[in-house]
PDB file of N, CA and C in Angstrom:
ATOM      1  N   MET A   1       8.765 -26.707  -9.959  1.00  0.00           N
ATOM      2  CA  MET A   1       7.574 -26.331  -9.233  1.00  0.00           C
ATOM      3  C   MET A   1       7.462 -24.821  -9.036  1.00  0.00           C
ATOM      4  N   PRO A   2       7.773 -24.003 -10.039  1.00  0.00           N
ATOM      5  CA  PRO A   2       7.742 -22.562  -9.809  1.00  0.00           C
ATOM      6  C   PRO A   2       6.350 -21.998  -9.584  1.00  0.00           C
ATOM      7  N   HIS A   3       5.314 -22.704  -9.944  1.00  0.00           N
ATOM      8  CA  HIS A   3       3.969 -22.165  -9.796  1.00  0.00           C
ATOM      9  C   HIS A   3       3.165 -22.875  -8.720  1.00  0.00           C
ATOM     10  N   THR A   4       3.831 -23.573  -7.840  1.00  0.00           N
ATOM     11  CA  THR A   4       3.147 -24.274  -6.763  1.00  0.00           C
ATOM     12  C   THR A   4       2.402 -23.270  -5.890  1.00  0.00           C
ATOM     13  N   ASN A   5       1.199 -23.594  -5.517  1.00  0.00           N
ATOM     14  CA  ASN A   5       0.360 -22.677  -4.756  1.00  0.00           C
ATOM     15  C   ASN A   5       0.511 -22.873  -3.256  1.00  0.00           C
ATOM     16  N   PHE A   6       1.707 -22.688  -2.742  1.00  0.00           N
ATOM     17  CA  PHE A   6       1.917 -22.691  -1.307  1.00  0.00           C
ATOM     18  C   PHE A   6       1.503 -21.341  -0.764  1.00  0.00           C
ATOM     19  N   VAL A   7       0.734 -21.339   0.263  1.00  0.00           N
ATOM     20  CA  VAL A   7       0.324 -20.106   0.890  1.00  0.00           C
ATOM     21  C   VAL A   7       0.379 -20.310   2.395  1.00  0.00           C
ATOM     22  N   ILE A   8       0.727 -19.263   3.098  1.00  0.00           N
ATOM     23  CA  ILE A   8       0.904 -19.362   4.535  1.00  0.00           C
ATOM     24  C   ILE A   8      -0.170 -18.557   5.243  1.00  0.00           C
ATOM     25  N   ALA A   9      -0.734 -19.128   6.259  1.00  0.00           N
ATOM     26  CA  ALA A   9      -1.654 -18.399   7.120  1.00  0.00           C
ATOM     27  C   ALA A   9      -0.910 -18.056   8.396  1.00  0.00           C
ATOM     28  N   ASP A  10      -1.184 -16.901   8.916  1.00  0.00           N
ATOM     29  CA  ASP A  10      -0.558 -16.468  10.153  1.00  0.00           C
ATOM     30  C   ASP A  10      -1.377 -17.045  11.302  1.00  0.00           C
ATOM     31  N   CYS A  11      -0.797 -17.958  12.025  1.00  0.00           N
ATOM     32  CA  CYS A  11      -1.502 -18.615  13.127  1.00  0.00           C
ATOM     33  C   CYS A  11      -0.745 -18.348  14.421  1.00  0.00           C
ATOM     34  N   SER A  12      -1.448 -18.321  15.496  1.00  0.00           N
ATOM     35  CA  SER A  12      -0.809 -18.050  16.783  1.00  0.00           C
ATOM     36  C   SER A  12       0.194 -19.136  17.162  1.00  0.00           C
ATOM     37  N   ASN A  13       0.006 -20.328  16.676  1.00  0.00           N
ATOM     38  CA  ASN A  13       0.918 -21.421  17.005  1.00  0.00           C
ATOM     39  C   ASN A  13       1.935 -21.687  15.900  1.00  0.00           C
ATOM     40  N   GLY A  14       2.157 -20.721  15.039  1.00  0.00           N
ATOM     41  CA  GLY A  14       3.144 -20.876  13.977  1.00  0.00           C
ATOM     42  C   GLY A  14       2.531 -20.699  12.611  1.00  0.00           C
ATOM     43  N   LEU A  15       3.241 -21.158  11.597  1.00  0.00           N
ATOM     44  CA  LEU A  15       2.785 -21.003  10.220  1.00  0.00           C
ATOM     45  C   LEU A  15       2.113 -22.281   9.752  1.00  0.00           C
ATOM     46  N   ARG A  16       1.151 -22.109   8.893  1.00  0.00           N
ATOM     47  CA  ARG A  16       0.411 -23.251   8.384  1.00  0.00           C
ATOM     48  C   ARG A  16       0.140 -23.013   6.910  1.00  0.00           C
ATOM     49  N   PHE A  17       0.286 -24.009   6.082  1.00  0.00           N
ATOM     50  CA  PHE A  17       0.001 -23.881   4.661  1.00  0.00           C
ATOM     51  C   PHE A  17      -1.491 -24.090   4.427  1.00  0.00           C
ATOM     52  N   VAL A  18      -2.074 -23.172   3.687  1.00  0.00           N
ATOM     53  CA  VAL A  18      -3.505 -23.241   3.410  1.00  0.00           C
ATOM     54  C   VAL A  18      -3.734 -22.884   1.949  1.00  0.00           C
ATOM     55  N   SER A  19      -4.977 -22.836   1.563  1.00  0.00           N
ATOM     56  CA  SER A  19      -5.348 -22.519   0.192  1.00  0.00           C
ATOM     57  C   SER A  19      -4.935 -21.103  -0.193  1.00  0.00           C
ATOM     58  N   ASN A  20      -4.662 -20.920  -1.471  1.00  0.00           N
ATOM     59  CA  ASN A  20      -4.246 -19.625  -2.003  1.00  0.00           C
ATOM     60  C   ASN A  20      -5.304 -18.545  -1.802  1.00  0.00           C
ATOM     61  N   LYS A  21      -6.559 -18.917  -1.639  1.00  0.00           N
ATOM     62  CA  LYS A  21      -7.635 -17.935  -1.478  1.00  0.00           C
ATOM     63  C   LYS A  21      -7.439 -17.045  -0.251  1.00  0.00           C
ATOM     64  N   PHE A  22      -6.852 -17.559   0.786  1.00  0.00           N
ATOM     65  CA  PHE A  22      -6.762 -16.822   2.031  1.00  0.00           C
ATOM     66  C   PHE A  22      -5.728 -15.713   2.022  1.00  0.00           C
ATOM     67  N   ILE A  23      -4.858 -15.696   1.046  1.00  0.00           N
ATOM     68  CA  ILE A  23      -3.803 -14.693   1.047  1.00  0.00           C
ATOM     69  C   ILE A  23      -4.033 -13.605   0.001  1.00  0.00           C
ATOM     70  N   GLN A  24      -5.081 -13.717  -0.757  1.00  0.00           N
ATOM     71  CA  GLN A  24      -5.316 -12.769  -1.839  1.00  0.00           C
ATOM     72  C   GLN A  24      -5.730 -11.378  -1.352  1.00  0.00           C
ATOM     73  N   TYR A  25      -6.265 -11.305  -0.174  1.00  0.00           N
ATOM     74  CA  TYR A  25      -6.698 -10.033   0.381  1.00  0.00           C
ATOM     75  C   TYR A  25      -7.521  -9.203  -0.619  1.00  0.00           C
ATOM     76  N   PRO A  26      -8.641  -9.754  -1.083  1.00  0.00           N
ATOM     77  CA  PRO A  26      -9.469  -8.982  -2.016  1.00  0.00           C
ATOM     78  C   PRO A  26      -9.986  -7.688  -1.393  1.00  0.00           C
ATOM     79  N   LEU A  27     -10.074  -7.644  -0.093  1.00  0.00           N
ATOM     80  CA  LEU A  27     -10.526  -6.429   0.573  1.00  0.00           C
ATOM     81  C   LEU A  27      -9.546  -5.281   0.336  1.00  0.00           C
ATOM     82  N   ALA A  28      -8.260  -5.574   0.285  1.00  0.00           N
ATOM     83  CA  ALA A  28      -7.264  -4.538   0.015  1.00  0.00           C
ATOM     84  C   ALA A  28      -7.507  -3.922  -1.353  1.00  0.00           C
ATOM     85  N   GLY A  29      -7.775  -4.750  -2.338  1.00  0.00           N
ATOM     86  CA  GLY A  29      -8.058  -4.246  -3.680  1.00  0.00           C
ATOM     87  C   GLY A  29      -9.318  -3.404  -3.718  1.00  0.00           C
ATOM     88  N   LEU A  30     -10.323  -3.825  -2.969  1.00  0.00           N
ATOM     89  CA  LEU A  30     -11.567  -3.055  -2.900  1.00  0.00           C
ATOM     90  C   LEU A  30     -11.303  -1.689  -2.287  1.00  0.00           C
ATOM     91  N   TYR A  31     -10.621  -1.672  -1.144  1.00  0.00           N
ATOM     92  CA  TYR A  31     -10.306  -0.391  -0.502  1.00  0.00           C
ATOM     93  C   TYR A  31      -9.479   0.493  -1.420  1.00  0.00           C
ATOM     94  N   ASP A  32      -8.522  -0.090  -2.092  1.00  0.00           N
ATOM     95  CA  ASP A  32      -7.667   0.657  -3.011  1.00  0.00           C
ATOM     96  C   ASP A  32      -8.512   1.295  -4.113  1.00  0.00           C
ATOM     97  N   SER A  33      -9.404   0.515  -4.711  1.00  0.00           N
ATOM     98  CA  SER A  33     -10.241   1.023  -5.797  1.00  0.00           C
ATOM     99  C   SER A  33     -11.208   2.108  -5.339  1.00  0.00           C
ATOM    100  N   GLN A  34     -11.502   2.132  -4.041  1.00  0.00           N
ATOM    101  CA  GLN A  34     -12.399   3.146  -3.482  1.00  0.00           C
ATOM    102  C   GLN A  34     -11.642   4.359  -2.960  1.00  0.00           C
ATOM    103  N   GLY A  35     -10.320   4.346  -3.104  1.00  0.00           N
ATOM    104  CA  GLY A  35      -9.516   5.447  -2.588  1.00  0.00           C
ATOM    105  C   GLY A  35      -9.323   5.395  -1.084  1.00  0.00           C
ATOM    106  N   ARG A  36      -9.597   4.277  -0.480  1.00  0.00           N
ATOM    107  CA  ARG A  36      -9.445   4.108   0.975  1.00  0.00           C
ATOM    108  C   ARG A  36      -8.045   3.541   1.254  1.00  0.00           C
ATOM    109  N   TYR A  37      -7.050   4.347   0.908  1.00  0.00           N
ATOM    110  CA  TYR A  37      -5.665   3.900   0.897  1.00  0.00           C
ATOM    111  C   TYR A  37      -5.130   3.535   2.280  1.00  0.00           C
ATOM    112  N   THR A  38      -5.523   4.265   3.288  1.00  0.00           N
ATOM    113  CA  THR A  38      -5.005   3.962   4.627  1.00  0.00           C
ATOM    114  C   THR A  38      -5.525   2.619   5.136  1.00  0.00           C
ATOM    115  N   GLU A  39      -6.656   2.190   4.616  1.00  0.00           N
ATOM    116  CA  GLU A  39      -7.182   0.885   4.994  1.00  0.00           C
ATOM    117  C   GLU A  39      -6.591  -0.228   4.124  1.00  0.00           C
ATOM    118  N   ALA A  40      -6.281   0.090   2.875  1.00  0.00           N
ATOM    119  CA  ALA A  40      -5.724  -0.909   1.959  1.00  0.00           C
ATOM    120  C   ALA A  40      -4.260  -1.212   2.259  1.00  0.00           C
ATOM    121  N   GLU A  41      -3.499  -0.193   2.629  1.00  0.00           N
ATOM    122  CA  GLU A  41      -2.053  -0.369   2.798  1.00  0.00           C
ATOM    123  C   GLU A  41      -1.673  -1.481   3.776  1.00  0.00           C
ATOM    124  N   PRO A  42      -2.219  -1.516   4.996  1.00  0.00           N
ATOM    125  CA  PRO A  42      -1.791  -2.591   5.905  1.00  0.00           C
ATOM    126  C   PRO A  42      -2.163  -3.987   5.399  1.00  0.00           C
ATOM    127  N   LEU A  43      -3.233  -4.093   4.635  1.00  0.00           N
ATOM    128  CA  LEU A  43      -3.613  -5.394   4.086  1.00  0.00           C
ATOM    129  C   LEU A  43      -2.635  -5.838   2.998  1.00  0.00           C
ATOM    130  N   TYR A  44      -2.243  -4.901   2.133  1.00  0.00           N
ATOM    131  CA  TYR A  44      -1.244  -5.222   1.112  1.00  0.00           C
ATOM    132  C   TYR A  44       0.094  -5.584   1.763  1.00  0.00           C
ATOM    133  N   ILE A  45       0.475  -4.846   2.786  1.00  0.00           N
ATOM    134  CA  ILE A  45       1.738  -5.129   3.474  1.00  0.00           C
ATOM    135  C   ILE A  45       1.692  -6.505   4.132  1.00  0.00           C
ATOM    136  N   LYS A  46       0.587  -6.828   4.753  1.00  0.00           N
ATOM    137  CA  LYS A  46       0.446  -8.131   5.398  1.00  0.00           C
ATOM    138  C   LYS A  46       0.509  -9.261   4.371  1.00  0.00           C
ATOM    139  N   ALA A  47      -0.138  -9.072   3.234  1.00  0.00           N
ATOM    140  CA  ALA A  47      -0.088 -10.091   2.175  1.00  0.00           C
ATOM    141  C   ALA A  47       1.351 -10.294   1.706  1.00  0.00           C
ATOM    142  N   LEU A  48       2.083  -9.201   1.538  1.00  0.00           N
ATOM    143  CA  LEU A  48       3.475  -9.310   1.124  1.00  0.00           C
ATOM    144  C   LEU A  48       4.302 -10.030   2.183  1.00  0.00           C
ATOM    145  N   GLU A  49       4.122  -9.656   3.435  1.00  0.00           N
ATOM    146  CA  GLU A  49       4.877 -10.304   4.521  1.00  0.00           C
ATOM    147  C   GLU A  49       4.606 -11.803   4.567  1.00  0.00           C
ATOM    148  N   LEU A  50       3.349 -12.192   4.415  1.00  0.00           N
ATOM    149  CA  LEU A  50       3.010 -13.608   4.441  1.00  0.00           C
ATOM    150  C   LEU A  50       3.595 -14.335   3.236  1.00  0.00           C
ATOM    151  N   ARG A  51       3.511 -13.721   2.078  1.00  0.00           N
ATOM    152  CA  ARG A  51       4.039 -14.363   0.874  1.00  0.00           C
ATOM    153  C   ARG A  51       5.561 -14.470   0.915  1.00  0.00           C
ATOM    154  N   GLN A  52       6.217 -13.548   1.577  1.00  0.00           N
ATOM    155  CA  GLN A  52       7.672 -13.629   1.676  1.00  0.00           C
ATOM    156  C   GLN A  52       8.114 -14.827   2.507  1.00  0.00           C
ATOM    157  N   ARG A  53       7.211 -15.411   3.259  1.00  0.00           N
ATOM    158  CA  ARG A  53       7.517 -16.604   4.057  1.00  0.00           C
ATOM    159  C   ARG A  53       7.343 -17.889   3.265  1.00  0.00           C
ATOM    160  N   LEU A  54       6.923 -17.782   2.023  1.00  0.00           N
ATOM    161  CA  LEU A  54       6.728 -18.973   1.205  1.00  0.00           C
ATOM    162  C   LEU A  54       8.042 -19.731   1.061  1.00  0.00           C
ATOM    163  N   PRO A  55       7.957 -21.038   0.912  1.00  0.00           N
ATOM    164  CA  PRO A  55       9.187 -21.812   0.767  1.00  0.00           C
ATOM    165  C   PRO A  55       9.909 -21.545  -0.545  1.00  0.00           C
ATOM    166  N   LEU A  56       9.267 -20.903  -1.475  1.00  0.00           N
ATOM    167  CA  LEU A  56       9.888 -20.566  -2.755  1.00  0.00           C
ATOM    168  C   LEU A  56      10.129 -19.055  -2.790  1.00  0.00           C
ATOM    169  N   ASP A  57      11.379 -18.652  -2.715  1.00  0.00           N
ATOM    170  CA  ASP A  57      11.726 -17.229  -2.647  1.00  0.00           C
ATOM    171  C   ASP A  57      11.262 -16.435  -3.860  1.00  0.00           C
ATOM    172  N   GLU A  58      11.196 -17.071  -4.992  1.00  0.00           N
ATOM    173  CA  GLU A  58      10.878 -16.368  -6.234  1.00  0.00           C
ATOM    174  C   GLU A  58       9.472 -16.697  -6.736  1.00  0.00           C
ATOM    175  N   HIS A  59       8.564 -16.960  -5.855  1.00  0.00           N
ATOM    176  CA  HIS A  59       7.201 -17.328  -6.249  1.00  0.00           C
ATOM    177  C   HIS A  59       6.511 -16.132  -6.909  1.00  0.00           C
ATOM    178  N   PRO A  60       5.785 -16.358  -8.011  1.00  0.00           N
ATOM    179  CA  PRO A  60       5.110 -15.259  -8.704  1.00  0.00           C
ATOM    180  C   PRO A  60       4.132 -14.469  -7.825  1.00  0.00           C
ATOM    181  N   SER A  61       3.558 -15.096  -6.819  1.00  0.00           N
ATOM    182  CA  SER A  61       2.621 -14.359  -5.967  1.00  0.00           C
ATOM    183  C   SER A  61       3.332 -13.273  -5.160  1.00  0.00           C
ATOM    184  N   ILE A  62       4.611 -13.468  -4.883  1.00  0.00           N
ATOM    185  CA  ILE A  62       5.376 -12.426  -4.189  1.00  0.00           C
ATOM    186  C   ILE A  62       5.531 -11.219  -5.107  1.00  0.00           C
ATOM    187  N   ALA A  63       5.780 -11.481  -6.384  1.00  0.00           N
ATOM    188  CA  ALA A  63       5.870 -10.387  -7.360  1.00  0.00           C
ATOM    189  C   ALA A  63       4.551  -9.619  -7.415  1.00  0.00           C
ATOM    190  N   SER A  64       3.439 -10.339  -7.379  1.00  0.00           N
ATOM    191  CA  SER A  64       2.129  -9.677  -7.402  1.00  0.00           C
ATOM    192  C   SER A  64       1.925  -8.798  -6.171  1.00  0.00           C
ATOM    193  N   SER A  65       2.374  -9.274  -5.024  1.00  0.00           N
ATOM    194  CA  SER A  65       2.235  -8.472  -3.810  1.00  0.00           C
ATOM    195  C   SER A  65       3.062  -7.195  -3.886  1.00  0.00           C
ATOM    196  N   TYR A  66       4.293  -7.310  -4.390  1.00  0.00           N
ATOM    197  CA  TYR A  66       5.113  -6.102  -4.572  1.00  0.00           C
ATOM    198  C   TYR A  66       4.426  -5.136  -5.536  1.00  0.00           C
ATOM    199  N   ASN A  67       3.893  -5.672  -6.633  1.00  0.00           N
ATOM    200  CA  ASN A  67       3.228  -4.831  -7.618  1.00  0.00           C
ATOM    201  C   ASN A  67       1.986  -4.155  -7.035  1.00  0.00           C
ATOM    202  N   ASN A  68       1.206  -4.894  -6.245  1.00  0.00           N
ATOM    203  CA  ASN A  68      -0.006  -4.314  -5.655  1.00  0.00           C
ATOM    204  C   ASN A  68       0.321  -3.167  -4.704  1.00  0.00           C
ATOM    205  N   LEU A  69       1.314  -3.371  -3.859  1.00  0.00           N
ATOM    206  CA  LEU A  69       1.699  -2.321  -2.924  1.00  0.00           C
ATOM    207  C   LEU A  69       2.290  -1.127  -3.670  1.00  0.00           C
ATOM    208  N   ALA A  70       3.072  -1.400  -4.697  1.00  0.00           N
ATOM    209  CA  ALA A  70       3.626  -0.320  -5.521  1.00  0.00           C
ATOM    210  C   ALA A  70       2.506   0.482  -6.178  1.00  0.00           C
ATOM    211  N   GLY A  71       1.494  -0.215  -6.675  1.00  0.00           N
ATOM    212  CA  GLY A  71       0.368   0.473  -7.305  1.00  0.00           C
ATOM    213  C   GLY A  71      -0.373   1.374  -6.335  1.00  0.00           C
ATOM    214  N   LEU A  72      -0.506   0.915  -5.106  1.00  0.00           N
ATOM    215  CA  LEU A  72      -1.145   1.744  -4.084  1.00  0.00           C
ATOM    216  C   LEU A  72      -0.338   3.015  -3.854  1.00  0.00           C
ATOM    217  N   TYR A  73       0.978   2.861  -3.686  1.00  0.00           N
ATOM    218  CA  TYR A  73       1.832   4.031  -3.475  1.00  0.00           C
ATOM    219  C   TYR A  73       1.829   4.942  -4.698  1.00  0.00           C
ATOM    220  N   ASP A  74       1.854   4.359  -5.864  1.00  0.00           N
ATOM    221  CA  ASP A  74       1.837   5.123  -7.112  1.00  0.00           C
ATOM    222  C   ASP A  74       0.571   5.973  -7.196  1.00  0.00           C
ATOM    223  N   SER A  75      -0.566   5.386  -6.865  1.00  0.00           N
ATOM    224  CA  SER A  75      -1.832   6.120  -6.958  1.00  0.00           C
ATOM    225  C   SER A  75      -1.925   7.254  -5.946  1.00  0.00           C
ATOM    226  N   GLN A  76      -1.083   7.197  -4.919  1.00  0.00           N
ATOM    227  CA  GLN A  76      -1.046   8.264  -3.912  1.00  0.00           C
ATOM    228  C   GLN A  76       0.043   9.289  -4.203  1.00  0.00           C
ATOM    229  N   GLY A  77       0.779   9.109  -5.289  1.00  0.00           N
ATOM    230  CA  GLY A  77       1.872  10.011  -5.602  1.00  0.00           C
ATOM    231  C   GLY A  77       3.131   9.726  -4.792  1.00  0.00           C
ATOM    232  N   ARG A  78       3.203   8.578  -4.185  1.00  0.00           N
ATOM    233  CA  ARG A  78       4.368   8.190  -3.370  1.00  0.00           C
ATOM    234  C   ARG A  78       5.351   7.413  -4.257  1.00  0.00           C
ATOM    235  N   TYR A  79       5.855   8.128  -5.261  1.00  0.00           N
ATOM    236  CA  TYR A  79       6.625   7.502  -6.324  1.00  0.00           C
ATOM    237  C   TYR A  79       7.953   6.927  -5.858  1.00  0.00           C
ATOM    238  N   THR A  80       8.612   7.577  -4.924  1.00  0.00           N
ATOM    239  CA  THR A  80       9.904   7.062  -4.461  1.00  0.00           C
ATOM    240  C   THR A  80       9.733   5.760  -3.682  1.00  0.00           C
ATOM    241  N   GLU A  81       8.567   5.548  -3.111  1.00  0.00           N
ATOM    242  CA  GLU A  81       8.283   4.275  -2.437  1.00  0.00           C
ATOM    243  C   GLU A  81       7.807   3.220  -3.432  1.00  0.00           C
ATOM    244  N   ALA A  82       7.095   3.657  -4.454  1.00  0.00           N
ATOM    245  CA  ALA A  82       6.532   2.726  -5.432  1.00  0.00           C
ATOM    246  C   ALA A  82       7.590   2.141  -6.364  1.00  0.00           C
ATOM    247  N   GLU A  83       8.514   2.963  -6.807  1.00  0.00           N
ATOM    248  CA  GLU A  83       9.452   2.508  -7.841  1.00  0.00           C
ATOM    249  C   GLU A  83      10.267   1.269  -7.443  1.00  0.00           C
ATOM    250  N   PRO A  84      10.895   1.229  -6.263  1.00  0.00           N
ATOM    251  CA  PRO A  84      11.662   0.008  -5.942  1.00  0.00           C
ATOM    252  C   PRO A  84      10.789  -1.240  -5.813  1.00  0.00           C
ATOM    253  N   LEU A  85       9.529  -1.054  -5.444  1.00  0.00           N
ATOM    254  CA  LEU A  85       8.623  -2.203  -5.353  1.00  0.00           C
ATOM    255  C   LEU A  85       8.248  -2.718  -6.743  1.00  0.00           C
ATOM    256  N   TYR A  86       8.008  -1.793  -7.680  1.00  0.00           N
ATOM    257  CA  TYR A  86       7.760  -2.199  -9.066  1.00  0.00           C
ATOM    258  C   TYR A  86       8.981  -2.930  -9.629  1.00  0.00           C
ATOM    259  N   ILE A  87      10.168  -2.416  -9.336  1.00  0.00           N
ATOM    260  CA  ILE A  87      11.398  -3.048  -9.821  1.00  0.00           C
ATOM    261  C   ILE A  87      11.522  -4.459  -9.260  1.00  0.00           C
ATOM    262  N   LYS A  88      11.287  -4.616  -7.980  1.00  0.00           N
ATOM    263  CA  LYS A  88      11.379  -5.927  -7.338  1.00  0.00           C
ATOM    264  C   LYS A  88      10.346  -6.886  -7.942  1.00  0.00           C
ATOM    265  N   ALA A  89       9.132  -6.410  -8.146  1.00  0.00           N
ATOM    266  CA  ALA A  89       8.091  -7.241  -8.763  1.00  0.00           C
ATOM    267  C   ALA A  89       8.525  -7.702 -10.147  1.00  0.00           C
ATOM    268  N   LEU A  90       9.069  -6.786 -10.916  1.00  0.00           N
ATOM    269  CA  LEU A  90       9.503  -7.112 -12.273  1.00  0.00           C
ATOM    270  C   LEU A  90      10.650  -8.122 -12.257  1.00  0.00           C
ATOM    271  N   GLU A  91      11.612  -7.930 -11.380  1.00  0.00           N
ATOM    272  CA  GLU A  91      12.751  -8.854 -11.299  1.00  0.00           C
ATOM    273  C   GLU A  91      12.290 -10.272 -10.963  1.00  0.00           C
ATOM    274  N   ILE A  92      11.415 -10.386  -9.989  1.00  0.00           N
ATOM    275  CA  ILE A  92      10.917 -11.708  -9.589  1.00  0.00           C
ATOM    276  C   ILE A  92      10.114 -12.333 -10.728  1.00  0.00           C
ATOM    277  N   ALA A  93       9.257 -11.545 -11.348  1.00  0.00           N
ATOM    278  CA  ALA A  93       8.419 -12.067 -12.428  1.00  0.00           C
ATOM    279  C   ALA A  93       9.261 -12.515 -13.620  1.00  0.00           C
ATOM    280  N   GLU A  94      10.275 -11.751 -13.961  1.00  0.00           N
ATOM    281  CA  GLU A  94      11.122 -12.150 -15.085  1.00  0.00           C
ATOM    282  C   GLU A  94      11.811 -13.483 -14.810  1.00  0.00           C
ATOM    283  N   ARG A  95      12.272 -13.675 -13.583  1.00  0.00           N
ATOM    284  CA  ARG A  95      12.957 -14.927 -13.232  1.00  0.00           C
ATOM    285  C   ARG A  95      11.979 -16.100 -13.087  1.00  0.00           C
ATOM    286  N   SER A  96      10.825 -15.859 -12.499  1.00  0.00           N
ATOM    287  CA  SER A  96       9.916 -16.967 -12.208  1.00  0.00           C
ATOM    288  C   SER A  96       8.920 -17.262 -13.326  1.00  0.00           C
ATOM    289  N   LEU A  97       8.556 -16.253 -14.089  1.00  0.00           N
ATOM    290  CA  LEU A  97       7.548 -16.430 -15.132  1.00  0.00           C
ATOM    291  C   LEU A  97       8.102 -16.298 -16.549  1.00  0.00           C
ATOM    292  N   GLY A  98       9.204 -15.562 -16.679  1.00  0.00           N
ATOM    293  CA  GLY A  98       9.762 -15.277 -17.995  1.00  0.00           C
ATOM    294  C   GLY A  98       9.418 -13.868 -18.435  1.00  0.00           C
ATOM    295  N   VAL A  99      10.197 -13.350 -19.353  1.00  0.00           N
ATOM    296  CA  VAL A  99      10.060 -11.943 -19.741  1.00  0.00           C
ATOM    297  C   VAL A  99       8.804 -11.655 -20.549  1.00  0.00           C
ATOM    298  N   ASN A 100       8.219 -12.672 -21.171  1.00  0.00           N
ATOM    299  CA  ASN A 100       7.044 -12.443 -22.012  1.00  0.00           C
ATOM    300  C   ASN A 100       5.733 -12.898 -21.387  1.00  0.00           C
ATOM    301  N   HIS A 101       5.765 -13.284 -20.136  1.00  0.00           N
ATOM    302  CA  HIS A 101       4.535 -13.687 -19.452  1.00  0.00           C
ATOM    303  C   HIS A 101       3.635 -12.452 -19.289  1.00  0.00           C
ATOM    304  N   PRO A 102       2.325 -12.609 -19.403  1.00  0.00           N
ATOM    305  CA  PRO A 102       1.419 -11.454 -19.273  1.00  0.00           C
ATOM    306  C   PRO A 102       1.607 -10.660 -17.979  1.00  0.00           C
ATOM    307  N   ASN A 103       1.825 -11.333 -16.852  1.00  0.00           N
ATOM    308  CA  ASN A 103       2.028 -10.593 -15.599  1.00  0.00           C
ATOM    309  C   ASN A 103       3.332  -9.812 -15.629  1.00  0.00           C
ATOM    310  N   THR A 104       4.380 -10.411 -16.170  1.00  0.00           N
ATOM    311  CA  THR A 104       5.659  -9.714 -16.280  1.00  0.00           C
ATOM    312  C   THR A 104       5.511  -8.463 -17.134  1.00  0.00           C
ATOM    313  N   ILE A 105       4.789  -8.586 -18.217  1.00  0.00           N
ATOM    314  CA  ILE A 105       4.560  -7.436 -19.102  1.00  0.00           C
ATOM    315  C   ILE A 105       3.796  -6.345 -18.366  1.00  0.00           C
ATOM    316  N   ILE A 106       2.788  -6.717 -17.598  1.00  0.00           N
ATOM    317  CA  ILE A 106       2.016  -5.731 -16.826  1.00  0.00           C
ATOM    318  C   ILE A 106       2.921  -5.024 -15.825  1.00  0.00           C
ATOM    319  N   PHE A 107       3.757  -5.782 -15.113  1.00  0.00           N
ATOM    320  CA  PHE A 107       4.654  -5.169 -14.118  1.00  0.00           C
ATOM    321  C   PHE A 107       5.626  -4.211 -14.799  1.00  0.00           C
ATOM    322  N   ARG A 108       6.151  -4.601 -15.973  1.00  0.00           N
ATOM    323  CA  ARG A 108       7.061  -3.735 -16.722  1.00  0.00           C
ATOM    324  C   ARG A 108       6.347  -2.451 -17.159  1.00  0.00           C
ATOM    325  N   GLU A 109       5.125  -2.585 -17.630  1.00  0.00           N
ATOM    326  CA  GLU A 109       4.347  -1.419 -18.053  1.00  0.00           C
ATOM    327  C   GLU A 109       4.031  -0.502 -16.879  1.00  0.00           C
ATOM    328  N   ASN A 110       3.728  -1.083 -15.722  1.00  0.00           N
ATOM    329  CA  ASN A 110       3.458  -0.267 -14.531  1.00  0.00           C
ATOM    330  C   ASN A 110       4.678   0.560 -14.152  1.00  0.00           C
ATOM    331  N   LEU A 111       5.844  -0.065 -14.173  1.00  0.00           N
ATOM    332  CA  LEU A 111       7.083   0.649 -13.857  1.00  0.00           C
ATOM    333  C   LEU A 111       7.342   1.753 -14.879  1.00  0.00           C
ATOM    334  N   GLN A 112       7.159   1.444 -16.140  1.00  0.00           N
ATOM    335  CA  GLN A 112       7.393   2.449 -17.179  1.00  0.00           C
ATOM    336  C   GLN A 112       6.406   3.606 -17.070  1.00  0.00           C
ATOM    337  N   PHE A 113       5.152   3.286 -16.774  1.00  0.00           N
ATOM    338  CA  PHE A 113       4.141   4.329 -16.625  1.00  0.00           C
ATOM    339  C   PHE A 113       4.514   5.267 -15.461  1.00  0.00           C
ATOM    340  N   LEU A 114       4.949   4.697 -14.347  1.00  0.00           N
ATOM    341  CA  LEU A 114       5.382   5.517 -13.222  1.00  0.00           C
ATOM    342  C   LEU A 114       6.532   6.441 -13.637  1.00  0.00           C
ATOM    343  N   ARG A 115       7.514   5.885 -14.315  1.00  0.00           N
ATOM    344  CA  ARG A 115       8.681   6.681 -14.729  1.00  0.00           C
ATOM    345  C   ARG A 115       8.293   7.757 -15.739  1.00  0.00           C
ATOM    346  N   ASP A 116       7.423   7.425 -16.668  1.00  0.00           N
ATOM    347  CA  ASP A 116       6.986   8.408 -17.659  1.00  0.00           C
ATOM    348  C   ASP A 116       6.218   9.557 -16.996  1.00  0.00           C
ATOM    349  N   ASN A 117       5.349   9.226 -16.041  1.00  0.00           N
ATOM    350  CA  ASN A 117       4.523  10.254 -15.407  1.00  0.00           C
ATOM    351  C   ASN A 117       5.314  11.115 -14.439  1.00  0.00           C
ATOM    352  N   ARG A 118       6.366  10.576 -13.853  1.00  0.00           N
ATOM    353  CA  ARG A 118       7.215  11.382 -12.964  1.00  0.00           C
ATOM    354  C   ARG A 118       7.974  12.427 -13.748  1.00  0.00           C
ATOM    355  N   GLN A 119       8.300  12.123 -15.004  1.00  0.00           N
ATOM    356  CA  GLN A 119       9.078  13.041 -15.817  1.00  0.00           C
ATOM    357  C   GLN A 119       8.200  14.111 -16.445  1.00  0.00           C
ATOM    358  N   SER A 120       6.903  13.893 -16.490  1.00  0.00           N
ATOM    359  CA  SER A 120       5.982  14.858 -17.119  1.00  0.00           C
ATOM    360  C   SER A 120       5.754  16.071 -16.265  1.00  0.00           C
TER     361      SER A 120
END
């Protein structure tokens, strides 16, 4: 069941499993694309925190959350914060999706792009 769509909503009376739509935080992506990084960051962090509570430690959505937050930091030039998140995303994706999965390849390319641009 590596691709089971368990998602957690933060509720005042504890955790509750809900549809995957509620954890995607599309608003974070919108803010990020508009350069509104201070507004996007807490949403990406919250998505990661919620996904880390999933019953499956190596769920691919956790890798996506690490990658999204890393991308935000990368776009701000916060490379030392971005790199370990890209690495974590890649490690999870390789284990949960396989090394040739399209998302794994994207995460690997993101990490390589960061490393290449830091050296330039």
